[in-house]
Amino acid sequence: MESDEFTEGGVPAGLTEKLDAHRLCMRGTYAPPIRCVALDADIGRYSRCTIHPRRPSVCREVDASWEFGAPSPQCDKARQAYGLPVLTPDDWRWREADNDDHPDDSGNSPSPPAVPPVAA
């Protein structure tokens, strides 16, 4: 039900694949090598979800540290596993200057900061 075929503003259906009779998953996440089709990344340098405002609930279960004003131990652990520093409140200051943090009419996410934070 999270697909935009069923829910306005949902996950773009074209980026999903059928998992079973009742569930979808993001293309690239069902079988190795695992790499979500919505991920724009050079792991260890930067990453971002290209559909962040429309990401599925499974992706919303782990917030990036300080994205919503609180640390995320699970995010911190994942970043440390890839040799990345944990996020700090300063990593989100770019949002204060960017009042347009919603996707445009084409569904594109806003431009990331010069060195975008990496969510877990």
N, C-alpha and C. Protein backbone atom coordinates (compact mmCIF):
# COMPACT_ATOMS: atom_id res chain seq x y z
N MET A 1 0.81 -1.20 0.00
CA MET A 1 0.00 0.00 0.00
C MET A 1 0.85 1.27 0.00
N GLU A 2 2.16 1.13 0.14
CA GLU A 2 3.02 2.30 0.16
C GLU A 2 3.39 2.79 -1.24
N SER A 3 3.07 2.01 -2.26
CA SER A 3 3.37 2.39 -3.63
C SER A 3 2.47 3.53 -4.07
N ASP A 4 2.99 4.38 -4.95
CA ASP A 4 2.17 5.49 -5.44
C ASP A 4 1.02 4.99 -6.32
N GLU A 5 0.99 3.71 -6.65
CA GLU A 5 -0.17 3.14 -7.34
C GLU A 5 -1.39 3.10 -6.42
N PHE A 6 -1.14 3.07 -5.10
CA PHE A 6 -2.21 2.97 -4.12
C PHE A 6 -2.32 4.18 -3.22
N THR A 7 -1.18 4.84 -2.97
CA THR A 7 -1.14 5.95 -2.03
C THR A 7 -0.48 7.15 -2.70
N GLU A 8 -1.23 8.23 -2.85
CA GLU A 8 -0.69 9.43 -3.46
C GLU A 8 0.57 9.88 -2.71
N GLY A 9 1.64 10.14 -3.44
CA GLY A 9 2.89 10.57 -2.82
C GLY A 9 3.69 9.42 -2.25
N GLY A 10 3.27 8.20 -2.52
CA GLY A 10 3.98 7.03 -2.01
C GLY A 10 5.25 6.72 -2.79
N VAL A 11 5.84 5.59 -2.48
CA VAL A 11 7.05 5.13 -3.14
C VAL A 11 6.76 4.97 -4.63
N PRO A 12 7.60 5.52 -5.51
CA PRO A 12 7.36 5.36 -6.94
C PRO A 12 7.32 3.88 -7.33
N ALA A 13 6.18 3.44 -7.88
CA ALA A 13 5.98 2.03 -8.21
C ALA A 13 7.06 1.50 -9.15
N GLY A 14 7.56 2.34 -10.03
CA GLY A 14 8.58 1.92 -10.98
C GLY A 14 9.90 1.54 -10.33
N LEU A 15 10.07 1.90 -9.07
CA LEU A 15 11.30 1.58 -8.36
C LEU A 15 11.14 0.35 -7.47
N THR A 16 9.99 -0.31 -7.58
CA THR A 16 9.73 -1.48 -6.73
C THR A 16 9.67 -2.75 -7.56
N GLU A 17 9.74 -3.88 -6.86
CA GLU A 17 9.50 -5.17 -7.49
C GLU A 17 8.65 -6.01 -6.55
N LYS A 18 7.96 -6.99 -7.11
CA LYS A 18 7.06 -7.82 -6.33
C LYS A 18 7.87 -8.79 -5.47
N LEU A 19 7.61 -8.78 -4.17
CA LEU A 19 8.27 -9.68 -3.24
C LEU A 19 7.44 -10.96 -3.09
N ASP A 20 6.14 -10.80 -2.92
CA ASP A 20 5.21 -11.92 -2.88
C ASP A 20 3.84 -11.38 -3.26
N ALA A 21 2.81 -12.15 -3.06
CA ALA A 21 1.46 -11.75 -3.49
C ALA A 21 0.96 -10.47 -2.82
N HIS A 22 1.55 -10.12 -1.67
CA HIS A 22 1.02 -8.98 -0.93
C HIS A 22 2.04 -7.89 -0.64
N ARG A 23 3.29 -8.10 -1.02
CA ARG A 23 4.33 -7.13 -0.65
C ARG A 23 5.23 -6.78 -1.82
N LEU A 24 5.71 -5.55 -1.76
CA LEU A 24 6.70 -5.06 -2.71
C LEU A 24 7.99 -4.79 -1.95
N CYS A 25 9.09 -4.69 -2.67
CA CYS A 25 10.34 -4.22 -2.07
C CYS A 25 10.98 -3.28 -3.09
N MET A 26 11.92 -2.51 -2.63
CA MET A 26 12.64 -1.63 -3.54
C MET A 26 13.50 -2.49 -4.46
N ARG A 27 13.53 -2.14 -5.77
CA ARG A 27 14.41 -2.86 -6.69
C ARG A 27 15.83 -2.79 -6.16
N GLY A 28 16.52 -3.90 -6.21
CA GLY A 28 17.89 -3.96 -5.76
C GLY A 28 18.08 -4.38 -4.32
N THR A 29 16.98 -4.63 -3.60
CA THR A 29 17.12 -4.98 -2.18
C THR A 29 16.71 -6.41 -1.87
N TYR A 30 16.23 -7.15 -2.85
CA TYR A 30 15.72 -8.49 -2.57
C TYR A 30 16.82 -9.56 -2.57
N ALA A 31 17.78 -9.43 -3.45
CA ALA A 31 18.83 -10.45 -3.56
C ALA A 31 20.19 -9.79 -3.77
N PRO A 32 21.24 -10.49 -3.35
CA PRO A 32 22.59 -9.92 -3.51
C PRO A 32 22.91 -9.68 -4.99
N PRO A 33 23.70 -8.70 -5.30
CA PRO A 33 24.25 -7.72 -4.37
C PRO A 33 23.19 -6.69 -3.99
N ILE A 34 23.03 -6.44 -2.71
CA ILE A 34 22.01 -5.51 -2.21
C ILE A 34 22.45 -4.08 -2.48
N ARG A 35 21.66 -3.38 -3.26
CA ARG A 35 21.90 -1.96 -3.54
C ARG A 35 20.58 -1.37 -4.01
N CYS A 36 19.95 -0.61 -3.15
CA CYS A 36 18.65 -0.01 -3.47
C CYS A 36 18.78 0.89 -4.70
N VAL A 37 17.82 0.78 -5.58
CA VAL A 37 17.79 1.58 -6.79
C VAL A 37 17.71 3.08 -6.48
N ALA A 38 17.19 3.43 -5.32
CA ALA A 38 17.05 4.85 -4.96
C ALA A 38 18.29 5.42 -4.27
N LEU A 39 19.31 4.59 -4.08
CA LEU A 39 20.52 5.05 -3.40
C LEU A 39 21.48 5.70 -4.38
N ASP A 40 21.85 6.93 -4.10
CA ASP A 40 22.89 7.65 -4.84
C ASP A 40 24.05 7.73 -3.88
N ALA A 41 25.09 6.92 -4.10
CA ALA A 41 26.14 6.84 -3.08
C ALA A 41 27.48 6.38 -3.61
N ASP A 42 28.48 6.81 -2.90
CA ASP A 42 29.83 6.27 -2.97
C ASP A 42 30.11 5.97 -1.50
N ILE A 43 29.77 4.75 -1.07
CA ILE A 43 29.80 4.41 0.35
C ILE A 43 31.18 4.70 0.94
N GLY A 44 31.14 5.38 2.06
CA GLY A 44 32.37 5.82 2.71
C GLY A 44 32.67 7.28 2.40
N ARG A 45 32.07 7.82 1.35
CA ARG A 45 32.24 9.24 1.00
C ARG A 45 30.94 10.01 1.18
N TYR A 46 29.88 9.53 0.56
CA TYR A 46 28.59 10.21 0.65
C TYR A 46 27.48 9.23 0.29
N SER A 47 26.29 9.54 0.70
CA SER A 47 25.12 8.81 0.19
C SER A 47 23.88 9.63 0.46
N ARG A 48 22.88 9.37 -0.34
CA ARG A 48 21.59 10.00 -0.14
C ARG A 48 20.53 9.16 -0.81
N CYS A 49 19.35 9.23 -0.28
CA CYS A 49 18.21 8.56 -0.87
C CYS A 49 17.58 9.54 -1.86
N THR A 50 17.47 9.13 -3.10
CA THR A 50 16.93 10.03 -4.11
C THR A 50 15.42 10.21 -4.00
N ILE A 51 14.77 9.41 -3.17
CA ILE A 51 13.32 9.55 -2.95
C ILE A 51 13.02 9.78 -1.48
N HIS A 52 13.93 10.38 -0.76
CA HIS A 52 13.85 10.51 0.69
C HIS A 52 12.46 10.89 1.21
N PRO A 53 11.80 11.92 0.70
CA PRO A 53 10.47 12.25 1.22
C PRO A 53 9.42 11.17 0.94
N ARG A 54 9.70 10.28 -0.02
CA ARG A 54 8.74 9.25 -0.41
C ARG A 54 9.24 7.84 -0.07
N ARG A 55 10.29 7.75 0.74
CA ARG A 55 10.89 6.45 1.06
C ARG A 55 9.89 5.56 1.81
N PRO A 56 10.08 4.24 1.69
CA PRO A 56 9.15 3.32 2.35
C PRO A 56 9.32 3.30 3.86
N SER A 57 8.33 2.74 4.54
CA SER A 57 8.33 2.72 6.00
C SER A 57 9.54 1.99 6.56
N VAL A 58 10.01 0.94 5.91
CA VAL A 58 11.18 0.23 6.42
C VAL A 58 12.40 1.16 6.49
N CYS A 59 12.48 2.10 5.59
CA CYS A 59 13.59 3.07 5.61
C CYS A 59 13.36 4.16 6.65
N ARG A 60 12.11 4.41 6.97
CA ARG A 60 11.79 5.43 7.98
C ARG A 60 12.01 4.92 9.40
N GLU A 61 12.17 3.62 9.57
CA GLU A 61 12.33 3.04 10.90
C GLU A 61 13.64 3.45 11.57
N VAL A 62 14.65 3.80 10.78
CA VAL A 62 15.93 4.24 11.34
C VAL A 62 16.18 5.66 10.86
N ASP A 63 16.06 6.60 11.78
CA ASP A 63 16.36 7.99 11.44
C ASP A 63 17.86 8.18 11.43
N ALA A 64 18.32 9.10 10.62
CA ALA A 64 19.72 9.49 10.67
C ALA A 64 19.93 10.26 11.97
N SER A 65 21.09 10.08 12.58
CA SER A 65 21.37 10.81 13.82
C SER A 65 21.18 12.30 13.63
N TRP A 66 20.43 12.89 14.52
CA TRP A 66 20.17 14.32 14.61
C TRP A 66 19.29 14.87 13.49
N GLU A 67 18.82 14.01 12.58
CA GLU A 67 17.94 14.50 11.52
C GLU A 67 16.69 15.15 12.12
N PHE A 68 16.22 14.58 13.23
CA PHE A 68 15.03 15.11 13.89
C PHE A 68 15.34 15.54 15.31
N GLY A 69 16.60 15.95 15.55
CA GLY A 69 16.98 16.52 16.84
C GLY A 69 17.43 15.53 17.90
N ALA A 70 17.67 14.29 17.52
CA ALA A 70 18.11 13.28 18.50
C ALA A 70 19.12 12.33 17.85
N PRO A 71 20.01 11.77 18.66
CA PRO A 71 20.96 10.80 18.11
C PRO A 71 20.25 9.49 17.75
N SER A 72 20.86 8.71 16.88
CA SER A 72 20.33 7.40 16.50
C SER A 72 21.45 6.38 16.65
N PRO A 73 21.44 5.60 17.73
CA PRO A 73 22.50 4.62 17.93
C PRO A 73 22.65 3.66 16.75
N GLN A 74 21.54 3.28 16.11
CA GLN A 74 21.63 2.36 14.98
C GLN A 74 22.31 3.02 13.79
N CYS A 75 22.01 4.28 13.53
CA CYS A 75 22.68 5.03 12.47
C CYS A 75 24.16 5.16 12.78
N ASP A 76 24.47 5.54 14.02
CA ASP A 76 25.88 5.72 14.41
C ASP A 76 26.66 4.42 14.20
N LYS A 77 26.08 3.31 14.60
CA LYS A 77 26.74 2.02 14.48
C LYS A 77 27.00 1.67 13.01
N ALA A 78 26.01 1.92 12.16
CA ALA A 78 26.17 1.64 10.73
C ALA A 78 27.24 2.52 10.11
N ARG A 79 27.26 3.79 10.47
CA ARG A 79 28.28 4.70 9.92
C ARG A 79 29.67 4.26 10.36
N GLN A 80 29.82 3.91 11.63
CA GLN A 80 31.12 3.49 12.14
C GLN A 80 31.58 2.21 11.45
N ALA A 81 30.67 1.31 11.11
CA ALA A 81 31.02 0.07 10.42
C ALA A 81 31.64 0.34 9.05
N TYR A 82 31.28 1.47 8.44
CA TYR A 82 31.82 1.83 7.14
C TYR A 82 32.91 2.90 7.23
N GLY A 83 33.42 3.13 8.45
CA GLY A 83 34.50 4.08 8.63
C GLY A 83 34.10 5.53 8.52
N LEU A 84 32.81 5.81 8.69
CA LEU A 84 32.31 7.18 8.61
C LEU A 84 32.15 7.75 10.01
N PRO A 85 32.35 9.05 10.16
CA PRO A 85 32.11 9.66 11.47
C PRO A 85 30.61 9.71 11.75
N VAL A 86 30.25 9.67 13.03
CA VAL A 86 28.83 9.80 13.38
C VAL A 86 28.37 11.21 13.05
N LEU A 87 27.09 11.34 12.76
CA LEU A 87 26.53 12.65 12.44
C LEU A 87 26.37 13.48 13.71
N THR A 88 26.40 14.78 13.54
CA THR A 88 26.21 15.71 14.64
C THR A 88 25.10 16.69 14.25
N PRO A 89 24.61 17.47 15.17
CA PRO A 89 23.60 18.48 14.81
C PRO A 89 24.09 19.42 13.71
N ASP A 90 25.39 19.70 13.68
CA ASP A 90 25.92 20.60 12.65
C ASP A 90 25.75 20.05 11.24
N ASP A 91 25.66 18.72 11.11
CA ASP A 91 25.50 18.12 9.78
C ASP A 91 24.14 18.44 9.17
N TRP A 92 23.23 18.96 9.96
CA TRP A 92 21.88 19.26 9.47
C TRP A 92 21.64 20.76 9.33
N ARG A 93 22.62 21.59 9.61
CA ARG A 93 22.45 23.05 9.53
C ARG A 93 22.11 23.51 8.12
N TRP A 94 22.53 22.76 7.11
CA TRP A 94 22.22 23.13 5.72
C TRP A 94 20.72 23.25 5.51
N ARG A 95 19.92 22.51 6.26
CA ARG A 95 18.47 22.58 6.13
C ARG A 95 17.91 23.94 6.54
N GLU A 96 18.57 24.58 7.51
CA GLU A 96 18.10 25.89 7.96
C GLU A 96 18.18 26.91 6.84
N ALA A 97 19.17 26.76 5.98
CA ALA A 97 19.33 27.70 4.87
C ALA A 97 18.50 27.28 3.66
N ASP A 98 18.06 26.04 3.64
CA ASP A 98 17.30 25.50 2.52
C ASP A 98 15.85 25.34 2.93
N ASN A 99 15.03 26.33 2.62
CA ASN A 99 13.62 26.27 2.99
C ASN A 99 12.83 25.32 2.12
N ASP A 100 13.41 24.88 1.00
CA ASP A 100 12.70 24.00 0.07
C ASP A 100 13.21 22.57 0.22
N ASP A 101 12.80 21.90 1.30
CA ASP A 101 13.25 20.53 1.50
C ASP A 101 12.20 19.52 1.06
N HIS A 102 11.37 19.91 0.10
CA HIS A 102 10.36 19.01 -0.44
C HIS A 102 10.72 18.71 -1.89
N PRO A 103 10.29 17.56 -2.41
CA PRO A 103 10.60 17.25 -3.80
C PRO A 103 9.93 18.24 -4.74
N ASP A 104 10.53 18.40 -5.92
CA ASP A 104 9.93 19.31 -6.89
C ASP A 104 8.78 18.61 -7.62
N ASP A 105 8.20 19.26 -8.62
CA ASP A 105 7.05 18.70 -9.31
C ASP A 105 7.35 17.39 -10.02
N SER A 106 8.62 17.12 -10.30
CA SER A 106 9.01 15.88 -10.95
C SER A 106 9.30 14.78 -9.94
N GLY A 107 9.17 15.08 -8.64
CA GLY A 107 9.43 14.09 -7.62
C GLY A 107 10.89 14.02 -7.21
N ASN A 108 11.71 14.95 -7.71
CA ASN A 108 13.12 14.94 -7.37
C ASN A 108 13.34 15.52 -5.99
N SER A 109 14.22 14.88 -5.23
CA SER A 109 14.56 15.39 -3.91
C SER A 109 15.40 16.64 -4.07
N PRO A 110 15.47 17.48 -3.04
CA PRO A 110 16.29 18.68 -3.13
C PRO A 110 17.76 18.31 -3.25
N SER A 111 18.55 19.24 -3.74
CA SER A 111 19.98 19.00 -3.85
C SER A 111 20.57 18.78 -2.48
N PRO A 112 21.48 17.81 -2.37
CA PRO A 112 22.11 17.55 -1.08
C PRO A 112 23.12 18.63 -0.77
N PRO A 113 23.57 18.72 0.47
CA PRO A 113 24.61 19.67 0.80
C PRO A 113 25.91 19.25 0.13
N ALA A 114 26.92 20.13 0.17
CA ALA A 114 28.19 19.84 -0.48
C ALA A 114 28.76 18.50 -0.04
N VAL A 115 28.69 18.19 1.23
CA VAL A 115 29.10 16.89 1.74
C VAL A 115 27.88 16.34 2.47
N PRO A 116 27.02 15.60 1.72
CA PRO A 116 25.76 15.19 2.33
C PRO A 116 25.96 14.19 3.46
N PRO A 117 25.08 14.25 4.47
CA PRO A 117 25.13 13.26 5.53
C PRO A 117 24.76 11.90 4.99
N VAL A 118 25.22 10.86 5.64
CA VAL A 118 24.93 9.49 5.22
C VAL A 118 23.99 8.89 6.24
N ALA A 119 22.79 8.57 5.82
CA ALA A 119 21.84 7.93 6.73
C ALA A 119 22.16 6.45 6.83
N ALA A 120 21.77 5.89 7.92
CA ALA A 120 22.01 4.46 8.13
C ALA A 120 21.07 3.65 7.27
